[in-house]
Amino acid sequence: MHRIDKVARELKKISKSISKTELIEGSFLGFTANHLSERLQIARNSVSEDLNELVKKGRAIKIKSRPVYFFDLQILEYRSGKKIDIPSDQHSHIKDYFASSENQSGPIKFTQGDDSDQIFNEIIGSNESMEKIIAKLKAAMLYPPFGLNVLLTGEAGVGKNKVAETVHKYMENYQQQSIPFIYFNCSEYHSNPELLTSHLFGHVKGAFTGADFDKTGLIEKANNGFLFLDEVHRLTSEGQEKLFTVLDRRSYSRMGESHYHPVNVRIICATTEDIQSALLQTFLRRIQVVAQIPSLNERTEKERLELALFFFQQESNQIKKSLKVSENILKSIANQNYPGNVGQMRSDIQLLCAEGYLQSMTQNLNAITIDYNLIEDKKLLSILADPAKQSEDVFFIPGDPSISAESLLQLPKSIKQLDPFYSLLLKEYKELQNNNLSHQDILAFLREKIQSYFDYTFEQKNVSKIIPDNKQTNHKIESIVFYLETTMQLSLTKQKKNILINHIYSLILLIKNNSADHLFLFDKGLVINKLDYFEEVKNICTQVEDTFQITCPLVELSFMSLFLQRLLHEDDINKKNCNCDVVIIAHGESTASSLAGYTNKLFQKNTIQAIDIPFEQPVNETLNLLKLLVDKQNIKKLVLLVDVGSPMYFGNIVSKEFQIDVLMIKDINLLSIIELMNVIMYESTDFNYLLSAMHKRDLKVVLYQKELSYDRHVIIITCATGIGAAIKIKNLLKDTFGDYLPSNLRLLTLSYEETKSIDKLSSYLEEHEYPLAMIGTFKTELIDVPFIPLDILFSEKGIENLMIVLGYNMNSKSSKTIKEEISSNYIQNVSLEAIVNYIHVLNPQKLLIEMKSVYEHICRQLDINPSILIMLRFLIHCCCTVERLVSDNHIDYKTNNFEMTPFENQKELSVIQLSLRPIELSYDIKFPSIEIKYIYEVLFY
């Protein structure tokens, strides 16, 4: 549905709510653009534009006042009973239209639902896959005298509920009045026929035990409207039979009644099951119309894209924030396989927007960006996108849809006709311009990319000509190719010839179709530093210029030089052996495999191996897979490519354990992999050379050498409440663990903002340090760094979890002994810090030691071993109780008369009472009986 249709429908809807009396008396002024803007969540200026357009089309009236008011013209005519022929923006008050209408000739013939058909435009695909279904539903609704009953079938999530609701809106608009729509899920009462009967048909007082009053059934509530029976296959045979009277005779009786009431209700059913086996044949015969709603896979590409656009726009409206989604991501989402159909697509998009919303909150961004990082975590699609395909960002603004599926499916003609070399170069140039870089910086960056873009162009497979059937153009380009072959004494394969033909044709289009300000390619700064066969290349470019009367950009010299170099040395390159192993580790079900497979095909070498990290795979399992690969293949030199998270620290571990050199490149993508392979295949595999070459390309690269040690760990401590809380936690850990903290470990306190990404965190890590774990309130982007929440740290499992992270083997006897000592320190430190806040009269250190002795005595006497958490509760509670009793020996307990009456726990209470005796003597106090019971509950509940 177009935006103007939504505005028109809403104006008609709210105009219906205004009575004739209100219009005549002038108590109602009309509706403003701002009023509709708030109702529709569409920008006010857009609503105003649409309302004025409706006035021009004769579908609305406009009141010339301040502010300007609008009203639906058809409803106004219906209320007045006259046809209004005067200009619809003539009067300054709505009541003036009634005065004018009295002079009009003859009553109007009001046509019901003139725009009713627009309602079905809400259903995406109404003019495509859903067209015949909608036509069938319209016929069923309008068939005299009462319409026909409908059964909607289809897989779960295809939108049967949406269709039923739209049918109801259609009839409301057609009849120009509100009609009931009652929803009932048949699965709720499928096992209780009597309750089902009462719910559907109602009952009278005394119909059965517990029927203390009359109850109206759903059928009666749906009179003159619709009863929607969802999951109708869950209706038992008895339940289906109970509906026969309603379907056959259009009447019903309540439970406990002997007479029938007439009813005019249309039944709409929905099911996901095979109707022949799930429903009675006698029931099916009474449902005249069956409509099969297509699954998402049966929808056209345009419809799936429209659904994705609609759901993103819906989320933008809901959260009142702008969304930015790339065209490639939108198309990828639209073409996913969703077993749950439209419902699952909507849920996945909602989850993406929720993740993006959280990201925008933590980064204080106004707009939400849906990028591949979010999608990868949800396993919706691979992050591998075609680098030759340009992708624009699509913006969703709250209440203001701004793009159609058709526009996304239509690629600009010029882009279609450009070969990858110039397509990638132009795309990169545009993106760099948007980053406000200087002209020299842009040229320097592009110069570094030319080699990669050329490789992508040259290594294409099964290339066909993009040149149209133009004999003259074909002949001219082929003459240039013939010139190259003759001059260089080459015989091009069909594949390489087509690549060159396409490139020359794209060059001609580029120069002819782009305005002067886009011809950045003429800048000499784009020529790469070393041009092989310079004279030959210059002559070929001159041949192109003379043939087509154009001036070649200087970057064409670079392309032709690379082209000739590759052709003349291809045999030598194929003979070259790579003496290092390359492994990609990336998150996602098949991300690493896709990147490796694509690059291996591109270079026609099986050089790169892949390790995928599915969402649920632990980091240790991934590391073990890498170790197994290195060990099994006896790798001596490893180039390790990683994306995010803990794999960024695998290089150090592998280098140390296997005593090999590891060159690790971080934050990899397809382009950086291609650049690396170019250097490995055509230049050198020496790690010092690779390190320098990758640094020049601004890649994050580290060389781990077997002779050196980089074994230094960091535990990051953060807290959402502030750095002060993080420092307290750090001091607590140092006091608790003492000398048991490894000497090569650093405790680092940071604010939550500083830990949200690898980039931010890296600036706080020293060279060759890597995070061992993170302790904090909220988990951050470091998805593979072990995370210990504060609530776990301060629980009975906290010490053990931290010891495991530090490398202790908790199955060994020595580790268990260490754990007991650390736990004892931990309890004392935490308890002391807690009770210091409450104890002001007594010495908290002395009292804590005494109370800990009491606790140990109770545990020995009763042979119990409570958890650390219970111990903490006991110590804090008892210390605070002693403070209260000392401060006021006459403290008044509400249950002062509580007595230690004998019961099954008498032994435990006696032990507690006797164990506390030394405290009573030391501080000259007496623990009340009720307090003994409280302490018992602390220990045993």
Foldseek 3Di string as FASTA:
>chain_A
DDPLVVLLVVLLVVLLVDALVCLQVQVDFAAALVNSCVVLFADSVVSVVSQVVCLVVVQKAWAPDVVIHIHGQLSLLVNLQADQPPRRDPHNGSNVSSVVRVPGDDGDDRQFQPPLVVLCVVPQQCVHPCVVVVVLLVCQCPPPDQGAAEEEEEAAQLQPVVVVVSSQVSVCRRHVHHADEAEDEQLVCLPPVVVLQCQAQWAAAPLDPPRHHTGHHPQVVRFVHEYEYEQCLSHDQSRLVQCVCCLPVQWHHHRPDDDIDHGRYHYYYYHHDDCVPSDDPVSVVSRDYYGYRDFLVPDDLQSLLQLLLVLLLVVCQVVQAKEKEKLVVSSLLSPFDDSNGSRVSSVVVVQQVVVQVVVCVLVVHRHGYRAVVSVQLVQRDANADDLQDDIDIAMHGGNHHDDHSVVSVDDDPLSVLAQQQVSNLLSLLVVVVVVVDDPLVSLLLSLLQNVLSLLQLQLDPPDDAPDDPDVLLVVLLVVLVVVLCVVVVHDDDPSNSRSSSSNLVSQVCVQVPDDPVSVPLQDPSNAHDDFPPQVSLVVSQVSSCVSNVTHGRPCSSNSVRVSVVCRVCVVVLVPDDQLAAEEEEEEHPCRQVVLQVVLCSSVVHNRYHYDYHYSPRAPVVSLVVVLCVCVVVVGAEYEYEYAAAPVVLSQQVNCAVSVHKYKYWYNDDNSLVSSLVCCRRPNHDPNVVSVVSSVSSVTDIDIDHSVDHLPAEEEEEEEQVDQVVSVVVVVLLCQLLPPVQDPRYYYHYDYPSQPQGPVSVVVVDDPSYDYLAYEYQDDHPNVNRHYDYPVNCPFLCNLVVVVVSSPDDCVDPVVVVSSVSSLVSSLLSVLLVVQVVQADPDDSNVLLVLQVVLVVQLCVVVVDDDGSVLVSVLSNVVSNVLRVCLVPVPDDDPPQVDDLDDDPCSVSLVSSQVSCVVVCVVSVHHDGSVNSVVSVVSRPD
